[in-house]
Protein backbone atom coordinates (compact mmCIF):
# COMPACT_ATOMS: atom_id res chain seq x y z
CA MET A 1 0.01 0.04 0.05
CA LYS A 2 1.38 3.23 -0.98
CA THR A 3 1.74 5.57 2.14
CA LYS A 4 2.69 9.16 2.76
CA VAL A 5 3.62 10.38 6.30
CA ILE A 6 3.62 14.12 7.22
CA LYS A 7 4.91 14.85 10.85
CA THR A 8 5.60 17.73 13.22
CA VAL A 9 7.66 17.18 16.06
CA LYS A 10 8.85 19.55 18.72
CA GLY A 11 12.04 21.02 17.78
CA LYS A 12 12.04 20.03 14.18
CA GLU A 13 10.74 21.28 10.78
CA PRO A 14 6.95 21.20 11.00
CA MET A 15 4.84 19.40 8.43
CA SER A 16 7.69 17.49 7.01
CA VAL A 17 7.15 14.61 4.74
CA CYS A 18 8.95 11.47 5.97
CA GLU A 19 8.99 7.64 5.50
CA ASP A 20 9.70 6.12 8.89
CA PHE A 21 7.76 3.02 8.42
CA SER A 22 7.92 -0.49 7.16
CA SER A 23 5.60 -2.95 5.99
CA ILE A 24 5.76 -6.39 8.06
CA LYS A 25 3.88 -9.57 7.49
CA ASN A 26 3.06 -10.63 11.01
CA THR A 27 -0.65 -10.23 10.55
CA ASN A 28 -1.22 -12.07 13.92
CA LEU A 29 0.44 -9.22 15.81
CA GLU A 30 -1.60 -8.11 18.74
CA GLY A 31 0.37 -5.51 20.77
CA GLN A 32 0.92 -1.81 20.13
CA LEU A 33 -1.73 -1.69 17.29
CA VAL A 34 -3.86 1.09 15.75
CA CYS A 35 -6.42 -0.63 14.04
CA VAL A 36 -8.11 1.17 11.14
CA PHE A 37 -11.47 0.07 9.29
CA PRO A 38 -12.21 2.04 6.09
CA GLU A 39 -15.61 -0.10 5.65
CA ILE A 40 -16.95 1.37 8.95
CA GLU A 41 -18.29 4.80 8.22
CA TYR A 42 -19.66 7.41 10.37
CA GLN A 43 -20.37 11.15 10.01
CA GLU A 44 -19.61 13.43 7.10
CA ILE A 45 -16.75 15.98 7.69
CA LYS A 46 -18.06 19.46 6.24
CA GLY A 47 -15.05 21.58 6.93
CA PHE A 48 -12.31 23.39 8.89
CA GLY A 49 -11.83 27.10 9.30
CA GLY A 50 -11.49 30.24 11.68
CA ALA A 51 -13.09 33.41 12.62
CA PHE A 52 -12.99 36.54 10.52
CA THR A 53 -13.05 39.27 13.35
CA GLU A 54 -12.56 43.03 13.02
CA ALA A 55 -9.31 42.20 15.27
CA ALA A 56 -8.12 39.89 12.50
CA SER A 57 -8.97 42.17 9.50
CA THR A 58 -7.62 45.24 11.03
CA THR A 59 -4.42 43.62 12.03
CA LEU A 60 -4.03 42.28 8.60
CA ASP A 61 -4.61 45.79 7.06
CA LYS A 62 -1.62 47.17 9.12
CA LEU A 63 0.87 44.64 7.28
CA SER A 64 2.56 44.86 3.85
CA GLU A 65 0.92 43.63 0.88
CA LYS A 66 3.29 40.70 0.65
CA ASN A 67 2.42 39.64 4.34
CA ARG A 68 -1.15 39.93 3.81
CA GLU A 69 -0.96 37.76 0.95
CA LYS A 70 1.14 35.26 2.89
CA ILE A 71 -1.39 34.81 5.70
CA LEU A 72 -4.29 34.45 3.38
CA LYS A 73 -2.54 31.85 1.10
CA MET A 74 -1.35 29.99 4.64
CA TYR A 75 -4.90 29.46 5.70
CA PHE A 76 -6.95 29.31 2.53
CA ASP A 77 -5.01 27.86 -0.30
CA LYS A 78 -5.21 24.18 -0.81
CA LYS A 79 -1.71 23.21 -2.01
CA GLU A 80 0.52 25.85 -0.43
CA GLY A 81 -1.64 26.43 2.75
CA ILE A 82 -3.91 24.34 5.12
CA GLY A 83 -6.97 24.68 2.85
CA TYR A 84 -9.56 26.46 5.14
CA ASN A 85 -12.87 26.28 3.85
CA PHE A 86 -15.27 27.44 6.56
CA GLY A 87 -15.41 30.94 8.29
CA ARG A 88 -17.26 32.72 11.10
CA ILE A 89 -18.45 35.97 11.03
CA HIS A 90 -19.57 38.26 14.00
CA MET A 91 -22.88 40.08 13.50
CA ASN A 92 -22.44 43.40 15.20
CA SER A 93 -19.27 43.83 17.42
CA CYS A 94 -17.57 41.31 19.51
CA ASP A 95 -14.89 41.40 22.16
CA PHE A 96 -12.36 41.19 19.36
CA SER A 97 -13.63 44.38 17.64
CA LEU A 98 -12.20 47.92 17.99
CA GLY A 99 -15.40 48.67 20.14
CA ASN A 100 -19.11 48.48 20.43
CA TYR A 101 -20.88 48.81 17.26
CA THR A 102 -24.07 47.96 15.34
CA CYS A 103 -25.71 47.92 12.09
CA VAL A 104 -28.30 50.54 13.02
CA GLU A 105 -28.56 53.95 14.75
CA GLU A 106 -29.49 53.72 18.40
CA GLY A 107 -33.30 53.39 18.86
CA ASP A 108 -34.06 52.54 15.29
CA ALA A 109 -36.65 49.70 15.82
CA GLU A 110 -37.61 49.71 12.46
CA LEU A 111 -34.28 49.11 11.09
CA LYS A 112 -34.40 51.91 8.67
CA THR A 113 -30.99 53.08 9.01
CA PHE A 114 -29.44 49.30 8.80
CA ASN A 115 -26.03 49.08 6.88
CA ILE A 116 -22.76 47.18 6.94
CA LYS A 117 -20.52 50.18 6.24
CA ARG A 118 -18.31 49.46 9.31
CA ASP A 119 -17.68 45.85 8.01
CA GLU A 120 -17.14 47.19 4.65
CA LYS A 121 -14.02 49.10 5.68
CA SER A 122 -11.67 46.08 6.71
CA LEU A 123 -13.52 42.89 7.46
CA ILE A 124 -15.43 42.43 4.13
CA PRO A 125 -12.30 43.15 2.09
CA MET A 126 -10.34 40.37 4.15
CA ILE A 127 -13.20 37.80 3.56
CA LYS A 128 -13.38 38.78 -0.12
CA ASP A 129 -9.31 38.36 -0.38
CA ALA A 130 -9.82 34.94 1.14
CA LEU A 131 -12.34 33.99 -1.29
CA GLU A 132 -9.84 34.49 -3.97
CA TYR A 133 -7.94 31.30 -2.60
CA ASN A 134 -10.81 28.75 -1.85
CA ASP A 135 -14.59 28.37 -1.62
CA ILE A 136 -15.68 29.18 2.06
CA ASP A 137 -18.85 28.31 3.80
CA PHE A 138 -19.95 31.26 6.08
CA PHE A 139 -21.44 31.04 9.55
CA VAL A 140 -22.64 34.18 11.38
CA SER A 141 -22.91 34.71 15.08
CA PRO A 142 -24.32 37.57 17.12
CA TRP A 143 -22.53 38.71 20.49
CA SER A 144 -25.30 41.31 21.24
CA PRO A 145 -28.31 43.14 19.90
CA PRO A 146 -28.26 46.73 19.90
CA ALA A 147 -28.24 48.43 23.36
CA PHE A 148 -31.83 49.61 22.95
CA MET A 149 -33.14 46.43 22.43
CA LYS A 150 -31.79 44.88 25.66
CA THR A 151 -32.98 44.78 29.45
CA ASN A 152 -29.68 46.16 30.50
CA GLY A 153 -29.57 49.09 28.01
CA MET A 154 -26.06 48.29 26.83
CA MET A 155 -24.28 45.79 24.66
CA ASN A 156 -21.79 44.46 27.20
CA GLU A 157 -22.52 42.76 30.67
CA GLY A 158 -25.13 40.28 29.27
CA GLY A 159 -28.86 41.36 29.70
CA LYS A 160 -31.63 40.09 27.67
CA LEU A 161 -33.33 40.76 24.61
CA LYS A 162 -36.59 42.43 25.24
CA GLU A 163 -39.67 40.43 23.92
CA GLU A 164 -41.10 43.60 22.23
CA TYR A 165 -37.94 43.15 20.04
CA PHE A 166 -38.06 39.58 19.12
CA ASP A 167 -39.48 40.27 15.69
CA ALA A 168 -37.25 43.15 14.86
CA TRP A 169 -34.05 41.27 15.95
CA SER A 170 -34.96 38.31 13.81
CA GLU A 171 -35.37 40.60 10.95
CA TYR A 172 -32.10 42.03 11.55
CA PHE A 173 -30.70 38.67 10.86
CA VAL A 174 -32.41 38.82 7.46
CA LYS A 175 -31.13 42.39 6.67
CA PHE A 176 -27.53 41.08 7.53
CA ILE A 177 -27.35 38.23 5.29
CA GLU A 178 -28.91 39.98 2.44
CA ALA A 179 -26.46 42.85 2.62
CA TYR A 180 -23.41 40.60 2.64
CA LYS A 181 -25.07 38.51 -0.27
CA GLU A 182 -25.19 41.93 -2.20
CA LYS A 183 -21.20 41.87 -1.39
CA GLY A 184 -20.82 38.48 -2.97
CA ILE A 185 -20.68 36.74 0.69
CA ASN A 186 -23.25 33.99 0.73
CA ILE A 187 -24.11 33.01 4.55
CA GLY A 188 -25.50 29.43 5.01
CA VAL A 189 -25.66 29.23 8.77
CA VAL A 190 -26.44 31.33 11.81
CA SER A 191 -26.40 30.45 15.54
CA VAL A 192 -28.93 32.25 17.76
CA GLN A 193 -26.35 33.58 20.23
CA ASN A 194 -22.68 33.43 21.09
CA GLU A 195 -22.55 32.13 24.61
CA PRO A 196 -25.98 32.59 25.62
CA LYS A 197 -25.35 31.65 29.35
CA ALA A 198 -22.55 34.43 29.90
CA ALA A 199 -23.05 37.62 30.88
CA GLN A 200 -19.41 38.73 29.74
CA THR A 201 -17.65 42.02 30.18
CA TRP A 202 -17.83 42.48 26.53
CA ASP A 203 -20.70 42.05 24.13
CA SER A 204 -23.02 39.50 25.40
CA CYS A 205 -26.60 38.67 25.75
CA VAL A 206 -28.26 35.89 27.93
CA TYR A 207 -31.09 33.40 26.75
CA THR A 208 -32.22 30.45 29.00
CA ALA A 209 -33.00 27.52 26.96
CA GLU A 210 -36.69 28.19 27.05
CA GLU A 211 -36.21 31.66 25.72
CA GLU A 212 -33.67 30.29 22.82
CA ARG A 213 -36.20 27.72 21.99
CA ASP A 214 -39.10 30.38 21.91
CA PHE A 215 -37.18 32.79 19.56
CA VAL A 216 -36.43 30.45 17.20
CA LYS A 217 -39.96 28.58 16.80
CA ASN A 218 -41.73 31.94 17.04
CA TYR A 219 -39.43 34.36 15.24
CA LEU A 220 -36.07 33.37 13.68
CA GLY A 221 -36.93 29.98 12.42
CA LYS A 222 -39.35 30.92 9.71
CA LYS A 223 -37.35 33.97 8.63
CA MET A 224 -34.10 31.85 8.29
CA TYR A 225 -35.92 29.01 6.38
CA ASP A 226 -37.40 31.60 3.98
CA CYS A 227 -33.59 32.77 3.28
CA GLY A 228 -32.43 29.16 3.00
CA VAL A 229 -30.19 29.58 6.07
CA LYS A 230 -29.68 26.91 8.74
CA ILE A 231 -29.83 27.74 12.38
CA LEU A 232 -27.48 26.33 15.21
CA PHE A 233 -28.23 26.78 18.79
CA TRP A 234 -26.46 27.00 22.11
CA ASP A 235 -22.97 28.07 20.48
CA HIS A 236 -21.34 27.73 24.20
CA ASN A 237 -19.33 25.09 26.18
CA LYS A 238 -19.81 21.23 25.94
CA GLU A 239 -20.75 20.51 29.64
CA ARG A 240 -24.45 21.74 29.04
CA ILE A 241 -25.07 20.31 25.58
CA ILE A 242 -27.53 17.44 26.61
CA SER A 243 -29.41 19.62 29.41
CA ARG A 244 -29.83 22.52 26.76
CA SER A 245 -30.82 20.16 24.03
CA ASN A 246 -33.46 18.43 26.39
CA VAL A 247 -35.20 21.83 26.34
CA VAL A 248 -34.67 23.24 22.71
CA LEU A 249 -34.95 20.12 20.60
CA THR A 250 -37.85 18.13 22.26
CA ASP A 251 -40.08 21.01 21.05
CA ASP A 252 -41.04 20.00 17.67
CA ASP A 253 -41.82 23.43 16.43
CA ALA A 254 -38.46 24.50 17.65
CA ASN A 255 -36.51 21.26 16.37
CA LYS A 256 -37.85 21.50 12.64
CA TYR A 257 -36.04 24.66 12.03
CA ILE A 258 -32.58 23.88 14.03
CA SER A 259 -29.95 21.84 11.78
CA GLY A 260 -27.47 21.25 14.73
CA ILE A 261 -25.51 22.40 17.80
CA ALA A 262 -22.65 24.63 17.95
CA PHE A 263 -20.14 24.33 20.84
CA HIS A 264 -16.86 25.66 22.44
CA TRP A 265 -14.31 24.16 24.60
CA TYR A 266 -13.76 26.26 27.58
CA SER A 267 -15.22 24.19 30.04
CA GLY A 268 -13.23 21.00 29.12
CA ASP A 269 -13.33 17.84 27.09
CA HIS A 270 -16.88 16.52 27.62
CA PHE A 271 -16.56 14.56 24.35
CA GLU A 272 -19.10 11.96 25.96
CA GLN A 273 -21.70 14.70 25.49
CA LEU A 274 -21.08 14.81 21.68
CA ASN A 275 -21.84 11.17 21.38
CA MET A 276 -24.82 11.31 23.44
CA PHE A 277 -26.11 14.26 21.29
CA ASN A 278 -25.78 12.21 18.22
CA LYS A 279 -27.42 9.16 19.78
CA LEU A 280 -30.38 11.60 20.68
CA TYR A 281 -30.25 13.63 17.47
CA PRO A 282 -28.53 11.76 14.80
CA ASP A 283 -29.92 14.29 12.11
CA LYS A 284 -28.30 17.16 13.61
CA ASP A 285 -25.03 18.67 12.96
CA ILE A 286 -22.39 19.11 15.76
CA VAL A 287 -20.02 21.85 15.14
CA PHE A 288 -17.03 23.21 17.08
CA SER A 289 -17.77 27.05 16.48
CA GLU A 290 -14.83 28.48 19.04
CA GLY A 291 -11.97 27.59 20.67
CA CYS A 292 -8.73 29.65 21.56
CA TYR A 293 -5.89 29.97 24.29
CA GLU A 294 -6.36 32.86 26.63
CA TYR A 295 -3.41 34.83 27.64
CA SER A 296 -4.68 35.06 31.19
CA LEU A 297 -4.18 31.30 31.56
CA GLY A 298 -0.36 31.97 31.38
CA GLN A 299 0.63 28.94 29.10
CA THR A 300 3.61 30.02 27.07
CA ASP A 301 4.70 26.71 25.47
CA THR A 302 2.95 27.10 21.99
CA VAL A 303 3.52 23.25 21.33
CA LYS A 304 1.24 22.48 24.28
CA ILE A 305 -1.20 24.86 22.72
CA GLY A 306 -1.08 23.09 19.50
CA GLU A 307 -1.42 19.57 21.23
CA ARG A 308 -4.53 21.10 23.10
CA TYR A 309 -6.12 21.97 19.66
CA ALA A 310 -5.20 18.39 18.31
CA HIS A 311 -6.55 16.53 21.31
CA ASP A 312 -9.74 18.42 21.13
CA ILE A 313 -10.32 17.81 17.40
CA ILE A 314 -9.46 14.15 17.45
CA GLY A 315 -11.92 13.93 20.63
CA ASN A 316 -14.54 15.93 19.01
CA PHE A 317 -14.47 13.99 15.63
CA ASN A 318 -14.20 10.88 17.46
CA ASN A 319 -17.59 11.67 18.66
CA TYR A 320 -19.56 12.78 15.65
CA CYS A 321 -18.36 16.44 15.23
CA ASN A 322 -18.92 17.59 11.48
CA ILE A 323 -16.94 20.96 11.42
CA PHE A 324 -14.08 22.53 13.20
CA CYS A 325 -13.90 26.49 13.26
CA ASP A 326 -11.12 28.10 15.17
CA TRP A 327 -11.35 31.47 16.75
CA ASN A 328 -9.44 34.58 15.48
CA LEU A 329 -7.45 33.96 12.21
CA LEU A 330 -5.03 36.62 13.04
CA LEU A 331 -4.03 38.68 16.31
CA ASP A 332 -1.49 41.48 16.69
CA GLU A 333 1.65 41.44 19.10
CA LYS A 334 -0.28 41.94 22.16
CA GLY A 335 -2.97 39.19 21.40
CA GLY A 336 -5.68 41.79 20.34
CA PRO A 337 -6.83 44.15 19.53
CA ASN A 338 -9.60 43.67 21.98
CA HIS A 339 -11.82 46.32 23.49
CA VAL A 340 -12.13 45.06 27.02
CA GLY A 341 -8.36 43.66 27.34
CA ASN A 342 -9.38 39.92 26.75
CA PHE A 343 -5.93 39.21 24.85
CA CYS A 344 -5.69 35.60 23.34
CA ASP A 345 -3.40 33.43 21.26
CA ALA A 346 -3.96 32.81 17.26
CA PRO A 347 -2.51 30.47 15.23
CA ILE A 348 -0.91 33.20 13.23
CA MET A 349 0.50 36.28 15.02
CA ALA A 350 1.68 39.74 13.48
CA ASP A 351 3.98 42.25 14.71
CA THR A 352 2.32 45.38 13.15
CA VAL A 353 5.05 47.84 14.13
CA ASN A 354 7.85 45.79 12.30
CA ASP A 355 5.58 43.94 9.70
CA LYS A 356 6.62 40.63 10.90
CA VAL A 357 4.50 37.36 10.93
CA PHE A 358 4.74 34.70 13.60
CA ILE A 359 3.43 31.20 12.86
CA HIS A 360 2.48 29.38 16.16
CA ASP A 361 2.55 25.40 16.58
CA SER A 362 -1.36 25.42 16.59
CA TYR A 363 -1.26 26.49 13.05
CA TYR A 364 0.42 23.39 12.06
CA TYR A 365 -1.32 21.06 14.59
CA ILE A 366 -4.71 22.27 12.89
CA GLY A 367 -3.14 21.88 9.43
CA HIS A 368 -2.72 18.10 10.00
CA PHE A 369 -6.38 17.95 9.71
CA SER A 370 -7.52 20.68 7.43
CA LYS A 371 -5.05 20.22 4.92
CA TYR A 372 -5.60 16.38 4.27
CA VAL A 373 -9.01 15.73 5.44
CA GLN A 374 -11.20 16.82 2.34
CA LYS A 375 -14.71 18.24 2.59
CA GLY A 376 -17.12 15.32 2.17
CA ALA A 377 -14.77 12.89 4.01
CA LYS A 378 -16.34 10.21 6.26
CA ARG A 379 -14.99 9.47 9.73
CA ILE A 380 -14.14 6.03 9.80
CA GLY A 381 -13.71 3.04 12.50
CA SER A 382 -10.51 2.86 14.35
CA SER A 383 -9.19 1.61 17.76
CA LYS A 384 -5.81 1.79 19.62
CA TRP A 385 -4.02 -0.15 22.30
CA SER A 386 -3.30 2.87 24.97
CA PRO A 387 -4.12 6.27 25.96
CA ILE A 388 -0.28 7.08 25.12
CA ILE A 389 -1.50 8.36 21.94
CA ASP A 390 -4.91 10.01 20.47
CA THR A 391 -5.85 8.90 16.99
CA VAL A 392 -8.59 9.25 14.39
CA SER A 393 -9.16 8.13 10.84
CA PHE A 394 -11.03 9.50 7.68
CA LYS A 395 -12.24 8.22 4.24
CA ASN A 396 -11.66 11.13 1.60
CA PRO A 397 -13.85 11.50 -1.28
CA ASP A 398 -10.98 10.58 -3.52
CA GLY A 399 -10.51 7.14 -1.81
CA THR A 400 -7.47 8.05 0.36
CA ILE A 401 -7.44 6.96 4.08
CA VAL A 402 -6.24 9.56 6.49
CA THR A 403 -5.29 8.54 9.94
CA VAL A 404 -4.00 11.37 12.42
CA VAL A 405 -1.73 10.21 15.34
CA LEU A 406 -0.94 12.49 18.39
CA ASN A 407 1.56 11.66 21.18
CA MET A 408 1.70 14.41 23.90
CA THR A 409 4.11 12.31 26.08
CA ASP A 410 7.85 12.98 26.69
CA ASN A 411 8.71 9.52 25.20
CA ASP A 412 8.71 8.05 21.66
CA THR A 413 6.63 5.08 21.12
CA GLU A 414 6.78 2.45 18.47
CA PHE A 415 3.57 1.04 17.19
CA ASN A 416 1.87 -0.76 14.22
CA ILE A 417 -0.98 0.50 12.02
CA SER A 418 -3.32 -2.46 10.77
CA ILE A 419 -5.31 -1.51 7.57
CA ASN A 420 -6.94 -3.43 4.67
CA GLY A 421 -4.76 -6.74 5.75
CA GLU A 422 -1.39 -5.08 5.91
CA ILE A 423 0.41 -4.03 9.12
CA LEU A 424 2.79 -0.93 8.98
CA ASN A 425 5.48 -0.67 11.73
CA THR A 426 6.13 2.96 12.63
CA LYS A 427 7.01 5.61 15.59
CA ALA A 428 5.22 8.26 17.47
CA GLU A 429 8.16 10.69 18.61
CA ALA A 430 7.80 12.64 21.73
CA HIS A 431 5.56 15.63 21.53
CA SER A 432 4.52 15.00 17.80
CA ILE A 433 1.41 14.84 15.50
CA ALA A 434 1.67 12.70 12.25
CA THR A 435 -0.83 12.51 9.42
CA TYR A 436 -0.82 8.99 7.68
CA ILE A 437 -2.15 8.97 4.07
CA PHE A 438 -3.01 5.56 2.66
CA GLU A 439 -3.64 5.37 -1.22
């Protein structure tokens, strides 16, 4: 079997093509095995990507044309980059904006002043430049309605959407989608609200499960259906996926409008809840919509941050996730800009003063999946002998089989891959990730 291996090992050249394996004939081998079963298929993989934020676009604008092109190519080009084909966009401002803003003037409940002029300055040009490199599916999330629509009278610090504005706010989604379409950007998916359980110091709005359910079934659902746009709910951490679903999706009138659930990683693994969700609602998509490393946590080892990404991606996809979408595509030398000082890491960072680009390990760890797992791939059956490594396998539409192996330990470990009646002897080096492609 023709096999190609791409490896990223701590301290060595990332994503290097190597041939450190040999075929052995002992098909009775029982130990140190990763077993791959191409005939056993699970969910379809629909994409990989990251978020187009005002922080990312304004940082990009401060760089030279050469570095602008370099970054966009690294993310979106299928051959020279890691082939992102999915992008998240914030409707109104988010914490990674230069400040609070909306698409209407304060108090305009009839939305007569609606416009996306703010996005046209920087965000939309970045998106359109990215589209030059790849076809991208777009997903929109709101962080907050305009202040006048909320119970606390501000975009930050939580608050709730006032009931008298439910219809106006759902129409706001329609206008946003139409305005972007006029710019050549087709939005196919929205979420109801980013992190609806959290009253953050930045742009935020709180919904109970019942409020989110009722907003979808009575207002947003029909409008998005008429636009041909899918709806995801929750868009928050994994630990409450089942409890939220038990309220939102058990209502038939809400369920019929919802195509899936979006989730974040900030409360831990909870991979089992993805599996349980799939068992309860096998027709729904499971979308990882945000994750990043916050500088307030103090981690400086970028390899460990990369490993966290890979561990989460493997755990999510082994439990029926369809889409991976990282947070900011690009941040500046401070980990921003962020209008409340919530600075974070990103796979690509830029020194906007000296026009320099820094590629962090997380970029390569994500790339081991996004570059080699094609849109439309199916996760396939696999098993492993030990928690020493994490692994997941896919079958691409072109017939190639992809197995990703992650070793987060301090020790090299030899192992064998069993696939299609052959056994390949190989090695997972300490702090490495490897993508095996079987043709």
